[in-house]
Amino acid sequence: MITITKNEFKRLAEYIENNYGIRLKEEKKSLVINRLYHELVNSNCKNFTEYYEYILSDKSGKAITTLINKITTNHTFFMREADHFQYFRDKVLPYLSTTVKDKDLRIWSAGCSSGQEPYTLAMIIDDYFKNDKIQWDTKILATDISSKVLNEAINGVYNKDEIESLPSLWRLNYFQKLDNGSYMIIDEIKQEVIYRKFNLMEKTFPFRKKLHVIFCRNVMIYFDHKTKIELVKKFYDIMEYGGYLFIGHTESIPRNETGFKYVMPSVYRKV
């Protein structure tokens, strides 16, 4: 059985944190071994030192892509932290629908995982605007560092239990049942979400226009304080005044370290 030494873990953990912001604590050693064991075997690496050197030497980028796919935790589900979606429907959309004069809504689901969050936002928007939606550009940008979950999101296929928490009318209008008993998001909603692979640790964000809403929930729990504050400041810089930032319920933003104003637990606004 392959094990990982203290020095090997430290070196790999520092590489992941420096490049992707994800902080792996000492107690994650066994998780790292379990998730990467087969990668070491498949790469003919006898230990984690060889595996680390293999990652650095692989110019194709496939090795680091696989590492990130294996090491990231992508736990999500429809209607997770449902009060956020209710607030988005009841407060944010009415505000934006009267203040965004060019009818170009710019919404980012950062750390979108397997697509439940951006698809929920797309369904809320469709349900809110109804026949007027044709006048609006409501496409949602959804990003993640894991290509594995992005592929799952693009496919947009979920089992019956996964969509059970959604309103029955949504299940009827926005999903089609497949022969294997699973359910797929209809094309009209799929086309409302643009998926891209993106690392939140990039120094600059490539947006031509500023955003109205950012959902970045349960992502910063993996970051240290400095990394989190730097990211929040980048969110602030790329957001329109009056825009909203949604973070996870277990997360918070120190009020004296960014320009965001507290609205309610895990909801902030640029004012």
Protein backbone atom coordinates (compact mmCIF):
# COMPACT_ATOMS: atom_id res chain seq x y z
CA MET A 1 0.00 0.00 0.00
CA ILE A 2 1.31 3.45 -0.95
CA THR A 3 1.57 5.95 1.89
CA ILE A 4 2.43 9.64 1.94
CA THR A 5 5.18 11.11 4.10
CA LYS A 6 4.76 14.36 6.00
CA ASN A 7 7.09 16.15 3.58
CA GLU A 8 5.34 14.72 0.49
CA PHE A 9 1.95 15.81 1.79
CA LYS A 10 3.27 19.29 2.66
CA ARG A 11 4.73 19.76 -0.81
CA LEU A 12 1.61 18.57 -2.63
CA ALA A 13 -0.70 20.55 -0.34
CA GLU A 14 1.32 23.75 -0.86
CA TYR A 15 1.23 23.29 -4.62
CA ILE A 16 -2.57 22.88 -4.59
CA GLU A 17 -3.09 25.84 -2.25
CA ASN A 18 -0.72 28.16 -4.12
CA ASN A 19 -2.28 27.41 -7.48
CA TYR A 20 -5.93 26.70 -6.68
CA GLY A 21 -6.54 28.17 -3.23
CA ILE A 22 -7.68 24.84 -1.77
CA ARG A 23 -6.24 24.25 1.67
CA LEU A 24 -5.61 20.62 2.61
CA LYS A 25 -5.14 20.13 6.33
CA GLU A 26 -3.08 17.35 7.93
CA GLU A 27 -6.17 15.30 8.66
CA LYS A 28 -6.81 15.04 4.91
CA LYS A 29 -3.83 12.73 4.39
CA SER A 30 -5.92 9.58 4.18
CA LEU A 31 -8.34 11.28 1.77
CA VAL A 32 -5.43 12.26 -0.49
CA ILE A 33 -4.09 8.71 -0.48
CA ASN A 34 -7.48 7.14 -1.19
CA ARG A 35 -8.37 9.52 -4.00
CA LEU A 36 -4.97 9.51 -5.70
CA TYR A 37 -3.85 5.90 -5.20
CA HIS A 38 -5.01 4.73 -8.62
CA GLU A 39 -3.44 7.78 -10.28
CA LEU A 40 -0.05 6.82 -8.85
CA VAL A 41 -0.49 3.25 -10.09
CA ASN A 42 -1.68 4.37 -13.54
CA SER A 43 1.25 6.78 -13.80
CA ASN A 44 3.77 4.13 -12.71
CA CYS A 45 4.75 6.27 -9.74
CA LYS A 46 6.17 4.37 -6.77
CA ASN A 47 5.50 7.15 -4.27
CA PHE A 48 4.08 10.65 -3.94
CA THR A 49 7.45 12.25 -4.65
CA GLU A 50 7.47 10.68 -8.10
CA TYR A 51 3.81 11.63 -8.56
CA TYR A 52 4.51 15.26 -7.67
CA GLU A 53 7.40 15.36 -10.15
CA TYR A 54 5.16 13.74 -12.76
CA ILE A 55 2.54 16.48 -12.32
CA LEU A 56 5.14 19.22 -12.73
CA SER A 57 6.69 17.60 -15.79
CA ASP A 58 3.44 16.88 -17.65
CA LYS A 59 3.17 19.66 -20.22
CA SER A 60 -0.18 18.44 -21.57
CA GLY A 61 -2.01 19.55 -18.43
CA LYS A 62 -3.83 16.23 -18.15
CA ALA A 63 -2.10 15.23 -14.91
CA ILE A 64 -3.05 18.39 -13.02
CA THR A 65 -6.59 18.22 -14.43
CA THR A 66 -6.95 14.70 -13.06
CA LEU A 67 -5.46 15.76 -9.72
CA ILE A 68 -7.99 18.58 -9.33
CA ASN A 69 -10.87 16.34 -10.40
CA LYS A 70 -9.86 13.83 -7.74
CA ILE A 71 -9.05 16.19 -4.90
CA THR A 72 -12.00 18.60 -5.07
CA THR A 73 -15.18 17.92 -3.14
CA ASN A 74 -18.24 18.67 -5.26
CA HIS A 75 -21.21 18.12 -2.99
CA THR A 76 -24.31 19.98 -4.11
CA PHE A 77 -27.99 19.44 -4.75
CA PHE A 78 -31.04 21.26 -6.08
CA MET A 79 -32.43 23.96 -3.79
CA ARG A 80 -29.41 23.84 -1.48
CA GLU A 81 -29.76 26.78 0.93
CA ALA A 82 -33.19 27.48 -0.56
CA ASP A 83 -33.64 30.87 1.10
CA HIS A 84 -31.00 32.25 -1.29
CA PHE A 85 -33.12 31.29 -4.28
CA GLN A 86 -36.23 32.76 -2.67
CA TYR A 87 -34.38 36.02 -2.03
CA PHE A 88 -33.05 36.02 -5.59
CA ARG A 89 -36.61 35.58 -6.92
CA ASP A 90 -38.40 37.95 -4.54
CA LYS A 91 -35.86 40.76 -4.08
CA VAL A 92 -33.00 40.59 -6.58
CA LEU A 93 -34.90 39.97 -9.81
CA PRO A 94 -37.54 42.68 -9.14
CA TYR A 95 -34.72 45.14 -8.45
CA LEU A 96 -32.74 44.18 -11.55
CA SER A 97 -35.78 44.07 -13.83
CA THR A 98 -36.43 47.76 -13.11
CA THR A 99 -32.84 49.05 -12.99
CA VAL A 100 -31.00 47.18 -15.77
CA LYS A 101 -31.95 49.40 -18.68
CA ASP A 102 -30.16 47.46 -21.42
CA LYS A 103 -31.94 44.22 -20.34
CA ASP A 104 -28.61 42.41 -20.08
CA LEU A 105 -28.50 40.46 -16.82
CA ARG A 106 -24.99 39.32 -15.91
CA ILE A 107 -24.98 36.49 -13.39
CA TRP A 108 -22.07 34.24 -12.42
CA SER A 109 -22.28 30.89 -10.65
CA ALA A 110 -18.68 30.51 -9.44
CA GLY A 111 -17.91 26.98 -8.29
CA CYS A 112 -20.98 25.61 -10.05
CA SER A 113 -20.12 21.93 -9.50
CA SER A 114 -22.51 19.60 -11.37
CA GLY A 115 -24.92 22.32 -12.46
CA GLN A 116 -27.76 22.30 -9.94
CA GLU A 117 -27.17 25.91 -8.88
CA PRO A 118 -27.01 27.60 -12.32
CA TYR A 119 -29.89 25.50 -13.66
CA THR A 120 -32.00 26.50 -10.65
CA LEU A 121 -31.20 30.16 -11.33
CA ALA A 122 -32.12 29.69 -14.99
CA MET A 123 -35.45 28.12 -14.06
CA ILE A 124 -36.23 30.91 -11.58
CA ILE A 125 -35.45 33.53 -14.24
CA ASP A 126 -37.59 31.77 -16.84
CA ASP A 127 -40.46 31.45 -14.36
CA TYR A 128 -40.11 35.09 -13.27
CA PHE A 129 -39.97 36.81 -16.67
CA LYS A 130 -42.33 34.42 -18.49
CA ASN A 131 -43.27 35.88 -21.90
CA ASP A 132 -41.12 38.99 -21.35
CA LYS A 133 -37.97 36.88 -21.18
CA ILE A 134 -37.46 37.10 -24.93
CA GLN A 135 -36.59 40.79 -24.46
CA TRP A 136 -33.76 39.98 -22.02
CA ASP A 137 -30.29 38.49 -22.22
CA THR A 138 -30.34 36.26 -19.14
CA LYS A 139 -27.55 33.81 -19.84
CA ILE A 140 -25.70 32.63 -16.74
CA LEU A 141 -21.95 32.04 -16.64
CA ALA A 142 -21.13 28.91 -14.62
CA THR A 143 -17.53 27.99 -13.81
CA ASP A 144 -15.59 25.37 -11.90
CA ILE A 145 -12.00 24.11 -11.78
CA SER A 146 -13.10 20.49 -12.14
CA SER A 147 -13.63 19.37 -15.73
CA LYS A 148 -15.34 16.23 -14.43
CA VAL A 149 -18.23 18.08 -12.77
CA LEU A 150 -18.45 20.55 -15.65
CA ASN A 151 -19.08 17.64 -18.03
CA GLU A 152 -21.79 16.37 -15.68
CA ALA A 153 -23.33 19.84 -15.60
CA ILE A 154 -23.29 20.16 -19.38
CA ASN A 155 -25.05 16.80 -19.69
CA GLY A 156 -27.69 18.02 -17.24
CA VAL A 157 -28.94 14.55 -16.30
CA TYR A 158 -30.17 13.83 -12.77
CA ASN A 159 -31.94 10.95 -11.08
CA LYS A 160 -35.48 11.13 -9.72
CA ASP A 161 -34.39 11.64 -6.12
CA GLU A 162 -32.17 14.58 -7.08
CA ILE A 163 -35.03 16.60 -8.58
CA GLU A 164 -37.59 15.66 -5.94
CA SER A 165 -37.04 18.92 -4.01
CA LEU A 166 -38.01 21.05 -7.01
CA PRO A 167 -41.55 22.41 -7.53
CA SER A 168 -43.71 19.90 -9.40
CA LEU A 169 -44.39 22.42 -12.17
CA TRP A 170 -40.65 22.83 -12.73
CA ARG A 171 -40.18 19.07 -12.92
CA LEU A 172 -42.91 18.98 -15.53
CA ASN A 173 -41.84 22.01 -17.58
CA TYR A 174 -38.05 21.94 -17.39
CA PHE A 175 -37.12 18.25 -17.45
CA GLN A 176 -37.65 15.38 -19.82
CA LYS A 177 -37.71 11.80 -18.63
CA LEU A 178 -35.17 9.47 -20.23
CA ASP A 179 -35.60 5.78 -20.98
CA ASN A 180 -33.37 4.81 -18.04
CA GLY A 181 -35.64 6.63 -15.58
CA SER A 182 -33.38 9.65 -15.06
CA TYR A 183 -34.30 13.21 -15.99
CA MET A 184 -32.56 15.68 -18.29
CA ILE A 185 -32.79 19.48 -18.27
CA ILE A 186 -34.58 20.64 -21.42
CA ASP A 187 -32.53 22.38 -24.10
CA GLU A 188 -34.23 25.76 -23.53
CA ILE A 189 -32.80 25.86 -19.99
CA LYS A 190 -29.46 24.25 -20.92
CA GLN A 191 -28.90 27.00 -23.46
CA GLU A 192 -29.29 29.61 -20.73
CA VAL A 193 -26.10 28.46 -18.97
CA ILE A 194 -22.58 28.90 -20.35
CA TYR A 195 -20.10 26.50 -18.72
CA ARG A 196 -16.41 27.28 -18.53
CA LYS A 197 -13.43 25.88 -16.66
CA PHE A 198 -12.00 28.66 -14.51
CA ASN A 199 -9.62 29.01 -11.58
CA LEU A 200 -10.72 31.60 -9.02
CA MET A 201 -7.06 32.16 -8.16
CA GLU A 202 -6.45 33.97 -11.46
CA LYS A 203 -5.08 37.43 -10.75
CA THR A 204 -7.60 39.12 -13.03
CA PHE A 205 -11.06 38.08 -14.15
CA PRO A 206 -11.76 38.35 -17.90
CA PHE A 207 -15.09 40.16 -17.81
CA ARG A 208 -15.80 42.91 -20.31
CA LYS A 209 -18.84 44.12 -18.37
CA LYS A 210 -19.47 44.20 -14.65
CA LEU A 211 -21.75 41.64 -13.04
CA HIS A 212 -25.08 42.06 -11.28
CA VAL A 213 -25.08 38.84 -9.22
CA ILE A 214 -22.40 36.40 -8.10
CA PHE A 215 -23.16 33.09 -6.43
CA CYS A 216 -20.00 31.67 -4.84
CA ARG A 217 -21.34 29.34 -2.20
CA ASN A 218 -19.42 26.82 -0.12
CA VAL A 219 -16.25 27.44 -2.09
CA MET A 220 -14.32 29.75 0.23
CA ILE A 221 -14.53 27.27 3.12
CA TYR A 222 -11.49 25.65 1.51
CA PHE A 223 -9.48 28.89 1.42
CA ASP A 224 -7.38 30.55 4.09
CA HIS A 225 -8.35 34.04 5.28
CA LYS A 226 -5.96 35.94 3.01
CA THR A 227 -7.05 34.04 -0.12
CA LYS A 228 -10.72 34.53 0.76
CA ILE A 229 -10.38 38.30 1.24
CA GLU A 230 -8.42 38.68 -1.99
CA LEU A 231 -11.15 36.79 -3.86
CA VAL A 232 -13.95 38.83 -2.30
CA LYS A 233 -12.17 42.05 -3.29
CA LYS A 234 -11.95 40.78 -6.88
CA PHE A 235 -15.68 40.03 -6.78
CA TYR A 236 -16.29 43.57 -5.55
CA ASP A 237 -14.23 45.10 -8.36
CA ILE A 238 -16.09 43.24 -11.11
CA MET A 239 -19.57 43.91 -9.74
CA GLU A 240 -22.00 46.69 -10.60
CA TYR A 241 -23.13 48.97 -7.79
CA GLY A 242 -26.30 47.51 -6.35
CA GLY A 243 -25.15 44.00 -7.23
CA TYR A 244 -25.46 41.00 -4.91
CA LEU A 245 -22.97 38.41 -3.68
CA PHE A 246 -24.27 35.11 -2.28
CA ILE A 247 -21.92 32.92 -0.25
CA GLY A 248 -22.48 29.71 1.73
CA HIS A 249 -24.39 29.68 5.01
CA THR A 250 -21.29 28.53 6.88
CA GLU A 251 -19.21 31.35 5.38
CA SER A 252 -18.94 35.02 6.27
CA ILE A 253 -17.13 38.16 5.12
CA PRO A 254 -15.44 40.44 7.68
CA ARG A 255 -17.31 43.72 7.27
CA ASN A 256 -14.26 45.92 7.82
CA GLU A 257 -12.11 44.22 5.15
CA THR A 258 -14.19 44.63 1.99
CA GLY A 259 -16.58 47.16 0.50
CA PHE A 260 -19.56 44.80 0.56
CA LYS A 261 -22.46 45.62 2.85
CA TYR A 262 -24.19 42.93 4.87
CA VAL A 263 -27.80 42.29 3.77
CA MET A 264 -28.68 39.07 5.58
CA PRO A 265 -26.75 35.93 6.60
CA SER A 266 -24.54 34.94 3.61
CA VAL A 267 -25.90 37.72 1.33
CA TYR A 268 -23.93 40.91 0.64
CA ARG A 269 -24.33 43.91 -1.62
CA LYS A 270 -22.14 46.47 -3.33
CA VAL A 271 -23.64 49.85 -2.52
